[in-house]
């Protein structure tokens, strides 16, 4: 399956939102999760990144840079299922907009 960065796919689908803002939604909606790892170069530094949850793996995979020993991955999204991801996020946005105010 062909994978792309979130930046590329948002541009291809003419979605007017920053990748950073979209990642926040994907974390909120259980597609991505926060992860961290101790730096191999600086022992007092923790590197933070995002990776797919078990649920999120139907929309993409965690890609590691070839030729490195880094444990930090970059989410890469399947081009074929990106429309499904957009529909899922849109549905969750609608739910949060209309239902959550009543739950307070």
PDB file of N, CA and C in Angstrom:
ATOM      1  N   UNK A   1       0.838  -1.181   0.000  1.00  0.00           N
ATOM      2  CA  UNK A   1       0.000   0.000   0.000  1.00  0.00           C
ATOM      3  C   UNK A   1       0.882   1.243   0.000  1.00  0.00           C
ATOM      4  N   UNK A   2       0.455   2.210  -0.750  1.00  0.00           N
ATOM      5  CA  UNK A   2       1.194   3.466  -0.826  1.00  0.00           C
ATOM      6  C   UNK A   2       0.906   4.298   0.414  1.00  0.00           C
ATOM      7  N   UNK A   3       1.961   4.837   1.007  1.00  0.00           N
ATOM      8  CA  UNK A   3       1.801   5.696   2.177  1.00  0.00           C
ATOM      9  C   UNK A   3       2.322   7.094   1.858  1.00  0.00           C
ATOM     10  N   UNK A   4       1.744   8.053   2.547  1.00  0.00           N
ATOM     11  CA  UNK A   4       2.127   9.462   2.385  1.00  0.00           C
ATOM     12  C   UNK A   4       2.137  10.131   3.751  1.00  0.00           C
ATOM     13  N   UNK A   5       2.753  11.299   3.808  1.00  0.00           N
ATOM     14  CA  UNK A   5       2.713  12.105   5.026  1.00  0.00           C
ATOM     15  C   UNK A   5       1.349  12.772   5.114  1.00  0.00           C
ATOM     16  N   UNK A   6       0.992  13.184   6.300  1.00  0.00           N
ATOM     17  CA  UNK A   6      -0.285  13.873   6.487  1.00  0.00           C
ATOM     18  C   UNK A   6      -0.310  15.179   5.705  1.00  0.00           C
ATOM     19  N   UNK A   7       0.819  15.861   5.608  1.00  0.00           N
ATOM     20  CA  UNK A   7       0.898  17.122   4.865  1.00  0.00           C
ATOM     21  C   UNK A   7       0.519  16.910   3.407  1.00  0.00           C
ATOM     22  N   UNK A   8       1.089  15.899   2.791  1.00  0.00           N
ATOM     23  CA  UNK A   8       0.812  15.609   1.386  1.00  0.00           C
ATOM     24  C   UNK A   8      -0.661  15.287   1.178  1.00  0.00           C
ATOM     25  N   UNK A   9      -1.222  14.438   2.025  1.00  0.00           N
ATOM     26  CA  UNK A   9      -2.616  14.019   1.834  1.00  0.00           C
ATOM     27  C   UNK A   9      -3.604  15.143   2.108  1.00  0.00           C
ATOM     28  N   UNK A  10      -3.321  15.980   3.088  1.00  0.00           N
ATOM     29  CA  UNK A  10      -4.212  17.121   3.332  1.00  0.00           C
ATOM     30  C   UNK A  10      -4.213  18.062   2.133  1.00  0.00           C
ATOM     31  N   UNK A  11      -3.055  18.284   1.547  1.00  0.00           N
ATOM     32  CA  UNK A  11      -2.969  19.136   0.353  1.00  0.00           C
ATOM     33  C   UNK A  11      -3.690  18.504  -0.825  1.00  0.00           C
ATOM     34  N   UNK A  12      -3.472  17.204  -1.051  1.00  0.00           N
ATOM     35  CA  UNK A  12      -4.124  16.503  -2.165  1.00  0.00           C
ATOM     36  C   UNK A  12      -5.641  16.554  -2.069  1.00  0.00           C
ATOM     37  N   UNK A  13      -6.167  16.520  -0.841  1.00  0.00           N
ATOM     38  CA  UNK A  13      -7.615  16.518  -0.633  1.00  0.00           C
ATOM     39  C   UNK A  13      -8.171  17.926  -0.354  1.00  0.00           C
ATOM     40  N   UNK A  14      -7.321  18.938  -0.515  1.00  0.00           N
ATOM     41  CA  UNK A  14      -7.720  20.346  -0.320  1.00  0.00           C
ATOM     42  C   UNK A  14      -8.364  20.584   1.046  1.00  0.00           C
ATOM     43  N   UNK A  15      -7.781  19.990   2.079  1.00  0.00           N
ATOM     44  CA  UNK A  15      -8.249  20.171   3.447  1.00  0.00           C
ATOM     45  C   UNK A  15      -7.461  21.330   4.045  1.00  0.00           C
ATOM     46  N   UNK A  16      -8.172  22.357   4.445  1.00  0.00           N
ATOM     47  CA  UNK A  16      -7.534  23.576   4.923  1.00  0.00           C
ATOM     48  C   UNK A  16      -7.352  23.531   6.444  1.00  0.00           C
ATOM     49  N   UNK A  17      -6.421  22.689   6.890  1.00  0.00           N
ATOM     50  CA  UNK A  17      -6.073  22.589   8.303  1.00  0.00           C
ATOM     51  C   UNK A  17      -4.593  22.240   8.366  1.00  0.00           C
ATOM     52  N   UNK A  18      -3.922  22.731   9.374  1.00  0.00           N
ATOM     53  CA  UNK A  18      -2.492  22.434   9.484  1.00  0.00           C
ATOM     54  C   UNK A  18      -2.307  20.981   9.925  1.00  0.00           C
ATOM     55  N   UNK A  19      -1.217  20.366   9.505  1.00  0.00           N
ATOM     56  CA  UNK A  19      -0.946  18.995   9.955  1.00  0.00           C
ATOM     57  C   UNK A  19      -0.902  18.887  11.487  1.00  0.00           C
ATOM     58  N   UNK A  20      -0.365  19.888  12.126  1.00  0.00           N
ATOM     59  CA  UNK A  20      -0.282  19.879  13.597  1.00  0.00           C
ATOM     60  C   UNK A  20      -1.676  19.842  14.223  1.00  0.00           C
ATOM     61  N   UNK A  21      -2.581  20.674  13.706  1.00  0.00           N
ATOM     62  CA  UNK A  21      -3.952  20.702  14.227  1.00  0.00           C
ATOM     63  C   UNK A  21      -4.668  19.381  13.943  1.00  0.00           C
ATOM     64  N   UNK A  22      -4.406  18.796  12.776  1.00  0.00           N
ATOM     65  CA  UNK A  22      -5.036  17.521  12.433  1.00  0.00           C
ATOM     66  C   UNK A  22      -4.504  16.402  13.325  1.00  0.00           C
ATOM     67  N   UNK A  23      -3.221  16.430  13.637  1.00  0.00           N
ATOM     68  CA  UNK A  23      -2.651  15.441  14.552  1.00  0.00           C
ATOM     69  C   UNK A  23      -3.310  15.528  15.927  1.00  0.00           C
ATOM     70  N   UNK A  24      -3.604  16.734  16.386  1.00  0.00           N
ATOM     71  CA  UNK A  24      -4.279  16.900  17.682  1.00  0.00           C
ATOM     72  C   UNK A  24      -5.629  16.196  17.650  1.00  0.00           C
ATOM     73  N   UNK A  25      -6.376  16.377  16.542  1.00  0.00           N
ATOM     74  CA  UNK A  25      -7.661  15.687  16.398  1.00  0.00           C
ATOM     75  C   UNK A  25      -7.464  14.175  16.388  1.00  0.00           C
ATOM     76  N   UNK A  26      -6.452  13.712  15.679  1.00  0.00           N
ATOM     77  CA  UNK A  26      -6.228  12.268  15.574  1.00  0.00           C
ATOM     78  C   UNK A  26      -5.858  11.659  16.917  1.00  0.00           C
ATOM     79  N   UNK A  27      -5.173  12.404  17.767  1.00  0.00           N
ATOM     80  CA  UNK A  27      -4.885  11.936  19.123  1.00  0.00           C
ATOM     81  C   UNK A  27      -6.182  11.924  19.935  1.00  0.00           C
ATOM     82  N   UNK A  28      -6.960  12.997  19.840  1.00  0.00           N
ATOM     83  CA  UNK A  28      -8.235  13.070  20.566  1.00  0.00           C
ATOM     84  C   UNK A  28      -9.182  11.950  20.165  1.00  0.00           C
ATOM     85  N   UNK A  29      -9.142  11.538  18.897  1.00  0.00           N
ATOM     86  CA  UNK A  29     -10.075  10.543  18.373  1.00  0.00           C
ATOM     87  C   UNK A  29      -9.480   9.136  18.334  1.00  0.00           C
ATOM     88  N   UNK A  30      -8.384   8.919  19.076  1.00  0.00           N
ATOM     89  CA  UNK A  30      -7.781   7.598  19.264  1.00  0.00           C
ATOM     90  C   UNK A  30      -7.231   6.963  17.984  1.00  0.00           C
ATOM     91  N   UNK A  31      -6.781   7.774  17.051  1.00  0.00           N
ATOM     92  CA  UNK A  31      -6.111   7.250  15.864  1.00  0.00           C
ATOM     93  C   UNK A  31      -4.603   7.238  16.108  1.00  0.00           C
ATOM     94  N   UNK A  32      -4.107   8.298  16.739  1.00  0.00           N
ATOM     95  CA  UNK A  32      -2.693   8.403  17.108  1.00  0.00           C
ATOM     96  C   UNK A  32      -2.584   8.503  18.622  1.00  0.00           C
ATOM     97  N   UNK A  33      -1.403   8.198  19.132  1.00  0.00           N
ATOM     98  CA  UNK A  33      -1.140   8.361  20.554  1.00  0.00           C
ATOM     99  C   UNK A  33       0.240   8.979  20.751  1.00  0.00           C
ATOM    100  N   UNK A  34       0.399   9.637  21.881  1.00  0.00           N
ATOM    101  CA  UNK A  34       1.697  10.200  22.221  1.00  0.00           C
ATOM    102  C   UNK A  34       2.633   9.079  22.662  1.00  0.00           C
ATOM    103  N   UNK A  35       3.885   9.206  22.296  1.00  0.00           N
ATOM    104  CA  UNK A  35       4.913   8.251  22.717  1.00  0.00           C
ATOM    105  C   UNK A  35       6.197   9.027  22.987  1.00  0.00           C
ATOM    106  N   UNK A  36       7.083   8.420  23.729  1.00  0.00           N
ATOM    107  CA  UNK A  36       8.364   9.067  24.001  1.00  0.00           C
ATOM    108  C   UNK A  36       9.441   8.009  24.150  1.00  0.00           C
ATOM    109  N   UNK A  37      10.669   8.439  23.931  1.00  0.00           N
ATOM    110  CA  UNK A  37      11.815   7.546  24.041  1.00  0.00           C
ATOM    111  C   UNK A  37      13.007   8.369  24.503  1.00  0.00           C
ATOM    112  N   UNK A  38      13.862   7.742  25.281  1.00  0.00           N
ATOM    113  CA  UNK A  38      15.079   8.412  25.740  1.00  0.00           C
ATOM    114  C   UNK A  38      16.030   8.606  24.569  1.00  0.00           C
ATOM    115  N   UNK A  39      16.607   9.770  24.447  1.00  0.00           N
ATOM    116  CA  UNK A  39      17.565  10.049  23.385  1.00  0.00           C
ATOM    117  C   UNK A  39      18.790   9.161  23.529  1.00  0.00           C
ATOM    118  N   UNK A  40      19.290   8.673  22.411  1.00  0.00           N
ATOM    119  CA  UNK A  40      20.502   7.847  22.450  1.00  0.00           C
ATOM    120  C   UNK A  40      21.755   8.703  22.491  1.00  0.00           C
ATOM    121  N   UNK A  41      21.624   9.971  22.097  1.00  0.00           N
ATOM    122  CA  UNK A  41      22.769  10.881  22.074  1.00  0.00           C
ATOM    123  C   UNK A  41      22.894  11.631  23.400  1.00  0.00           C
ATOM    124  N   UNK A  42      21.789  12.200  23.851  1.00  0.00           N
ATOM    125  CA  UNK A  42      21.772  12.971  25.098  1.00  0.00           C
ATOM    126  C   UNK A  42      20.886  12.239  26.106  1.00  0.00           C
ATOM    127  N   UNK A  43      21.496  11.614  27.072  1.00  0.00           N
ATOM    128  CA  UNK A  43      20.774  10.766  28.017  1.00  0.00           C
ATOM    129  C   UNK A  43      19.739  11.510  28.852  1.00  0.00           C
ATOM    130  N   UNK A  44      19.871  12.835  28.974  1.00  0.00           N
ATOM    131  CA  UNK A  44      18.919  13.596  29.773  1.00  0.00           C
ATOM    132  C   UNK A  44      17.785  14.177  28.928  1.00  0.00           C
ATOM    133  N   UNK A  45      17.692  13.775  27.659  1.00  0.00           N
ATOM    134  CA  UNK A  45      16.670  14.293  26.750  1.00  0.00           C
ATOM    135  C   UNK A  45      15.688  13.182  26.377  1.00  0.00           C
ATOM    136  N   UNK A  46      14.415  13.509  26.458  1.00  0.00           N
ATOM    137  CA  UNK A  46      13.372  12.588  26.028  1.00  0.00           C
ATOM    138  C   UNK A  46      12.779  13.114  24.734  1.00  0.00           C
ATOM    139  N   UNK A  47      12.699  12.256  23.742  1.00  0.00           N
ATOM    140  CA  UNK A  47      12.120  12.637  22.440  1.00  0.00           C
ATOM    141  C   UNK A  47      10.655  12.222  22.419  1.00  0.00           C
ATOM    142  N   UNK A  48       9.810  13.142  21.987  1.00  0.00           N
ATOM    143  CA  UNK A  48       8.371  12.898  21.926  1.00  0.00           C
ATOM    144  C   UNK A  48       7.939  12.789  20.472  1.00  0.00           C
ATOM    145  N   UNK A  49       7.010  11.885  20.209  1.00  0.00           N
ATOM    146  CA  UNK A  49       6.508  11.701  18.857  1.00  0.00           C
ATOM    147  C   UNK A  49       5.115  11.092  18.930  1.00  0.00           C
ATOM    148  N   UNK A  50       4.488  10.920  17.780  1.00  0.00           N
ATOM    149  CA  UNK A  50       3.161  10.316  17.709  1.00  0.00           C
ATOM    150  C   UNK A  50       3.273   8.991  16.960  1.00  0.00           C
ATOM    151  N   UNK A  51       2.456   8.026  17.379  1.00  0.00           N
ATOM    152  CA  UNK A  51       2.413   6.749  16.672  1.00  0.00           C
ATOM    153  C   UNK A  51       0.959   6.283  16.610  1.00  0.00           C
ATOM    154  N   UNK A  52       0.702   5.342  15.729  1.00  0.00           N
ATOM    155  CA  UNK A  52      -0.657   4.854  15.553  1.00  0.00           C
ATOM    156  C   UNK A  52      -1.085   3.978  16.724  1.00  0.00           C
ATOM    157  N   UNK A  53      -2.352   4.094  17.098  1.00  0.00           N
ATOM    158  CA  UNK A  53      -2.951   3.175  18.060  1.00  0.00           C
ATOM    159  C   UNK A  53      -3.311   1.892  17.308  1.00  0.00           C
ATOM    160  N   UNK A  54      -3.751   0.878  18.020  1.00  0.00           N
ATOM    161  CA  UNK A  54      -4.207  -0.342  17.345  1.00  0.00           C
ATOM    162  C   UNK A  54      -5.345  -0.017  16.385  1.00  0.00           C
ATOM    163  N   UNK A  55      -6.287   0.799  16.816  1.00  0.00           N
ATOM    164  CA  UNK A  55      -7.389   1.214  15.945  1.00  0.00           C
ATOM    165  C   UNK A  55      -6.874   1.987  14.737  1.00  0.00           C
ATOM    166  N   UNK A  56      -5.930   2.876  14.956  1.00  0.00           N
ATOM    167  CA  UNK A  56      -5.419   3.739  13.901  1.00  0.00           C
ATOM    168  C   UNK A  56      -4.639   3.022  12.816  1.00  0.00           C
ATOM    169  N   UNK A  57      -4.199   1.810  13.092  1.00  0.00           N
ATOM    170  CA  UNK A  57      -3.378   1.085  12.113  1.00  0.00           C
ATOM    171  C   UNK A  57      -4.132   0.719  10.837  1.00  0.00           C
ATOM    172  N   UNK A  58      -5.450   0.850  10.840  1.00  0.00           N
ATOM    173  CA  UNK A  58      -6.176   0.625   9.590  1.00  0.00           C
ATOM    174  C   UNK A  58      -6.026   1.821   8.649  1.00  0.00           C
ATOM    175  N   UNK A  59      -5.526   2.936   9.169  1.00  0.00           N
ATOM    176  CA  UNK A  59      -5.364   4.141   8.359  1.00  0.00           C
ATOM    177  C   UNK A  59      -3.911   4.431   7.994  1.00  0.00           C
ATOM    178  N   UNK A  60      -2.958   3.722   8.600  1.00  0.00           N
ATOM    179  CA  UNK A  60      -1.560   3.993   8.303  1.00  0.00           C
ATOM    180  C   UNK A  60      -0.621   3.127   9.116  1.00  0.00           C
ATOM    181  N   UNK A  61       0.657   3.443   9.004  1.00  0.00           N
ATOM    182  CA  UNK A  61       1.681   2.671   9.713  1.00  0.00           C
ATOM    183  C   UNK A  61       2.757   3.623  10.243  1.00  0.00           C
ATOM    184  N   UNK A  62       3.481   3.148  11.233  1.00  0.00           N
ATOM    185  CA  UNK A  62       4.590   3.909  11.801  1.00  0.00           C
ATOM    186  C   UNK A  62       5.835   3.624  10.967  1.00  0.00           C
ATOM    187  N   UNK A  63       6.386   4.660  10.372  1.00  0.00           N
ATOM    188  CA  UNK A  63       7.551   4.500   9.499  1.00  0.00           C
ATOM    189  C   UNK A  63       8.809   4.972  10.221  1.00  0.00           C
ATOM    190  N   UNK A  64       9.847   4.185  10.109  1.00  0.00           N
ATOM    191  CA  UNK A  64      11.148   4.531  10.682  1.00  0.00           C
ATOM    192  C   UNK A  64      12.089   4.882   9.541  1.00  0.00           C
ATOM    193  N   UNK A  65      12.975   5.823   9.780  1.00  0.00           N
ATOM    194  CA  UNK A  65      13.939   6.200   8.749  1.00  0.00           C
ATOM    195  C   UNK A  65      14.886   5.041   8.485  1.00  0.00           C
ATOM    196  N   UNK A  66      15.071   4.753   7.212  1.00  0.00           N
ATOM    197  CA  UNK A  66      15.983   3.669   6.843  1.00  0.00           C
ATOM    198  C   UNK A  66      17.423   4.078   7.155  1.00  0.00           C
ATOM    199  N   UNK A  67      18.195   3.111   7.583  1.00  0.00           N
ATOM    200  CA  UNK A  67      19.600   3.347   7.848  1.00  0.00           C
ATOM    201  C   UNK A  67      19.896   3.977   9.192  1.00  0.00           C
ATOM    202  N   UNK A  68      18.869   4.145  10.033  1.00  0.00           N
ATOM    203  CA  UNK A  68      19.105   4.700  11.367  1.00  0.00           C
ATOM    204  C   UNK A  68      18.668   3.691  12.416  1.00  0.00           C
ATOM    205  N   UNK A  69      19.143   3.888  13.613  1.00  0.00           N
ATOM    206  CA  UNK A  69      18.730   3.029  14.722  1.00  0.00           C
ATOM    207  C   UNK A  69      17.705   3.743  15.603  1.00  0.00           C
ATOM    208  N   UNK A  70      17.171   4.849  15.100  1.00  0.00           N
ATOM    209  CA  UNK A  70      16.215   5.640  15.857  1.00  0.00           C
ATOM    210  C   UNK A  70      14.952   4.838  16.156  1.00  0.00           C
ATOM    211  N   UNK A  71      14.451   4.985  17.364  1.00  0.00           N
ATOM    212  CA  UNK A  71      13.203   4.340  17.745  1.00  0.00           C
ATOM    213  C   UNK A  71      12.016   5.275  17.551  1.00  0.00           C
ATOM    214  N   UNK A  72      12.270   6.471  17.022  1.00  0.00           N
ATOM    215  CA  UNK A  72      11.224   7.454  16.795  1.00  0.00           C
ATOM    216  C   UNK A  72      10.656   7.238  15.397  1.00  0.00           C
ATOM    217  N   UNK A  73       9.348   7.086  15.320  1.00  0.00           N
ATOM    218  CA  UNK A  73       8.704   6.851  14.033  1.00  0.00           C
ATOM    219  C   UNK A  73       7.941   8.089  13.575  1.00  0.00           C
ATOM    220  N   UNK A  74       7.560   8.066  12.319  1.00  0.00           N
ATOM    221  CA  UNK A  74       6.724   9.123  11.747  1.00  0.00           C
ATOM    222  C   UNK A  74       5.477   8.458  11.197  1.00  0.00           C
ATOM    223  N   UNK A  75       4.294   8.935  11.580  1.00  0.00           N
ATOM    224  CA  UNK A  75       3.082   8.347  11.025  1.00  0.00           C
ATOM    225  C   UNK A  75       3.015   8.558   9.510  1.00  0.00           C
ATOM    226  N   UNK A  76       2.770   7.484   8.785  1.00  0.00           N
ATOM    227  CA  UNK A  76       2.555   7.532   7.338  1.00  0.00           C
ATOM    228  C   UNK A  76       1.164   6.963   7.083  1.00  0.00           C
ATOM    229  N   UNK A  77       0.386   7.669   6.298  1.00  0.00           N
ATOM    230  CA  UNK A  77      -1.016   7.327   6.100  1.00  0.00           C
ATOM    231  C   UNK A  77      -1.223   6.624   4.768  1.00  0.00           C
ATOM    232  N   UNK A  78      -2.100   5.597   4.776  1.00  0.00           N
ATOM    233  CA  UNK A  78      -2.421   4.884   3.548  1.00  0.00           C
ATOM    234  C   UNK A  78      -3.271   5.790   2.656  1.00  0.00           C
ATOM    235  N   UNK A  79      -2.823   5.984   1.431  1.00  0.00           N
ATOM    236  CA  UNK A  79      -3.561   6.817   0.486  1.00  0.00           C
ATOM    237  C   UNK A  79      -4.944   6.242   0.221  1.00  0.00           C
ATOM    238  N   UNK A  80      -5.027   4.907   0.140  1.00  0.00           N
ATOM    239  CA  UNK A  80      -6.281   4.246  -0.198  1.00  0.00           C
ATOM    240  C   UNK A  80      -7.366   4.407   0.865  1.00  0.00           C
ATOM    241  N   UNK A  81      -6.990   4.534   2.109  1.00  0.00           N
ATOM    242  CA  UNK A  81      -7.999   4.632   3.172  1.00  0.00           C
ATOM    243  C   UNK A  81      -8.101   6.043   3.765  1.00  0.00           C
ATOM    244  N   UNK A  82      -7.470   7.017   3.131  1.00  0.00           N
ATOM    245  CA  UNK A  82      -7.493   8.365   3.703  1.00  0.00           C
ATOM    246  C   UNK A  82      -8.891   8.967   3.687  1.00  0.00           C
ATOM    247  N   UNK A  83      -9.686   8.676   2.654  1.00  0.00           N
ATOM    248  CA  UNK A  83     -11.069   9.175   2.627  1.00  0.00           C
ATOM    249  C   UNK A  83     -11.870   8.630   3.804  1.00  0.00           C
ATOM    250  N   UNK A  84     -11.639   7.377   4.172  1.00  0.00           N
ATOM    251  CA  UNK A  84     -12.312   6.798   5.333  1.00  0.00           C
ATOM    252  C   UNK A  84     -11.895   7.522   6.610  1.00  0.00           C
ATOM    253  N   UNK A  85     -10.621   7.867   6.712  1.00  0.00           N
ATOM    254  CA  UNK A  85     -10.141   8.611   7.875  1.00  0.00           C
ATOM    255  C   UNK A  85     -10.801   9.986   7.930  1.00  0.00           C
ATOM    256  N   UNK A  86     -10.887  10.657   6.792  1.00  0.00           N
ATOM    257  CA  UNK A  86     -11.551  11.962   6.755  1.00  0.00           C
ATOM    258  C   UNK A  86     -13.003  11.854   7.200  1.00  0.00           C
ATOM    259  N   UNK A  87     -13.699  10.811   6.738  1.00  0.00           N
ATOM    260  CA  UNK A  87     -15.092  10.599   7.139  1.00  0.00           C
ATOM    261  C   UNK A  87     -15.201  10.342   8.635  1.00  0.00           C
ATOM    262  N   UNK A  88     -14.275   9.547   9.166  1.00  0.00           N
ATOM    263  CA  UNK A  88     -14.287   9.251  10.602  1.00  0.00           C
ATOM    264  C   UNK A  88     -14.091  10.531  11.416  1.00  0.00           C
ATOM    265  N   UNK A  89     -13.103  11.328  11.040  1.00  0.00           N
ATOM    266  CA  UNK A  89     -12.823  12.573  11.770  1.00  0.00           C
ATOM    267  C   UNK A  89     -14.001  13.539  11.651  1.00  0.00           C
ATOM    268  N   UNK A  90     -14.574  13.638  10.467  1.00  0.00           N
ATOM    269  CA  UNK A  90     -15.728  14.523  10.268  1.00  0.00           C
ATOM    270  C   UNK A  90     -16.899  14.081  11.149  1.00  0.00           C
ATOM    271  N   UNK A  91     -17.124  12.775  11.221  1.00  0.00           N
ATOM    272  CA  UNK A  91     -18.189  12.253  12.082  1.00  0.00           C
ATOM    273  C   UNK A  91     -17.938  12.539  13.544  1.00  0.00           C
ATOM    274  N   UNK A  92     -16.708  12.373  13.994  1.00  0.00           N
ATOM    275  CA  UNK A  92     -16.364  12.674  15.387  1.00  0.00           C
ATOM    276  C   UNK A  92     -16.490  14.168  15.674  1.00  0.00           C
ATOM    277  N   UNK A  93     -16.090  15.005  14.709  1.00  0.00           N
ATOM    278  CA  UNK A  93     -16.235  16.449  14.878  1.00  0.00           C
ATOM    279  C   UNK A  93     -17.704  16.815  15.073  1.00  0.00           C
ATOM    280  N   UNK A  94     -18.573  16.222  14.254  1.00  0.00           N
ATOM    281  CA  UNK A  94     -20.003  16.505  14.355  1.00  0.00           C
ATOM    282  C   UNK A  94     -20.549  16.056  15.704  1.00  0.00           C
ATOM    283  N   UNK A  95     -20.127  14.883  16.167  1.00  0.00           N
ATOM    284  CA  UNK A  95     -20.555  14.376  17.468  1.00  0.00           C
ATOM    285  C   UNK A  95     -20.139  15.333  18.580  1.00  0.00           C
ATOM    286  N   UNK A  96     -18.876  15.720  18.563  1.00  0.00           N
ATOM    287  CA  UNK A  96     -18.358  16.605  19.613  1.00  0.00           C
ATOM    288  C   UNK A  96     -19.051  17.957  19.589  1.00  0.00           C
ATOM    289  N   UNK A  97     -19.356  18.435  18.419  1.00  0.00           N
ATOM    290  CA  UNK A  97     -19.983  19.751  18.284  1.00  0.00           C
ATOM    291  C   UNK A  97     -21.427  19.740  18.793  1.00  0.00           C
ATOM    292  N   UNK A  98     -22.151  18.659  18.543  1.00  0.00           N
ATOM    293  CA  UNK A  98     -23.571  18.630  18.879  1.00  0.00           C
ATOM    294  C   UNK A  98     -23.920  17.917  20.168  1.00  0.00           C
ATOM    295  N   UNK A  99     -23.143  16.945  20.591  1.00  0.00           N
ATOM    296  CA  UNK A  99     -23.499  16.162  21.765  1.00  0.00           C
ATOM    297  C   UNK A  99     -22.758  16.607  23.014  1.00  0.00           C
ATOM    298  N   UNK A 100     -21.484  16.879  22.914  1.00  0.00           N
ATOM    299  CA  UNK A 100     -20.692  17.188  24.109  1.00  0.00           C
ATOM    300  C   UNK A 100     -21.210  18.387  24.907  1.00  0.00           C
ATOM    301  N   UNK A 101     -21.749  19.442  24.286  1.00  0.00           N
ATOM    302  CA  UNK A 101     -22.261  20.545  25.124  1.00  0.00           C
ATOM    303  C   UNK A 101     -23.362  20.094  26.086  1.00  0.00           C
ATOM    304  N   UNK A 102     -24.114  19.055  25.723  1.00  0.00           N
ATOM    305  CA  UNK A 102     -25.199  18.573  26.573  1.00  0.00           C
ATOM    306  C   UNK A 102     -24.692  17.681  27.700  1.00  0.00           C
ATOM    307  N   UNK A 103     -23.447  17.229  27.613  1.00  0.00           N
ATOM    308  CA  UNK A 103     -22.908  16.334  28.625  1.00  0.00           C
ATOM    309  C   UNK A 103     -22.292  17.073  29.808  1.00  0.00           C
ATOM    310  N   UNK A 104     -22.239  18.385  29.733  1.00  0.00           N
ATOM    311  CA  UNK A 104     -21.612  19.158  30.825  1.00  0.00           C
ATOM    312  C   UNK A 104     -22.438  19.189  32.065  1.00  0.00           C
TER     313      UNK A 104
END
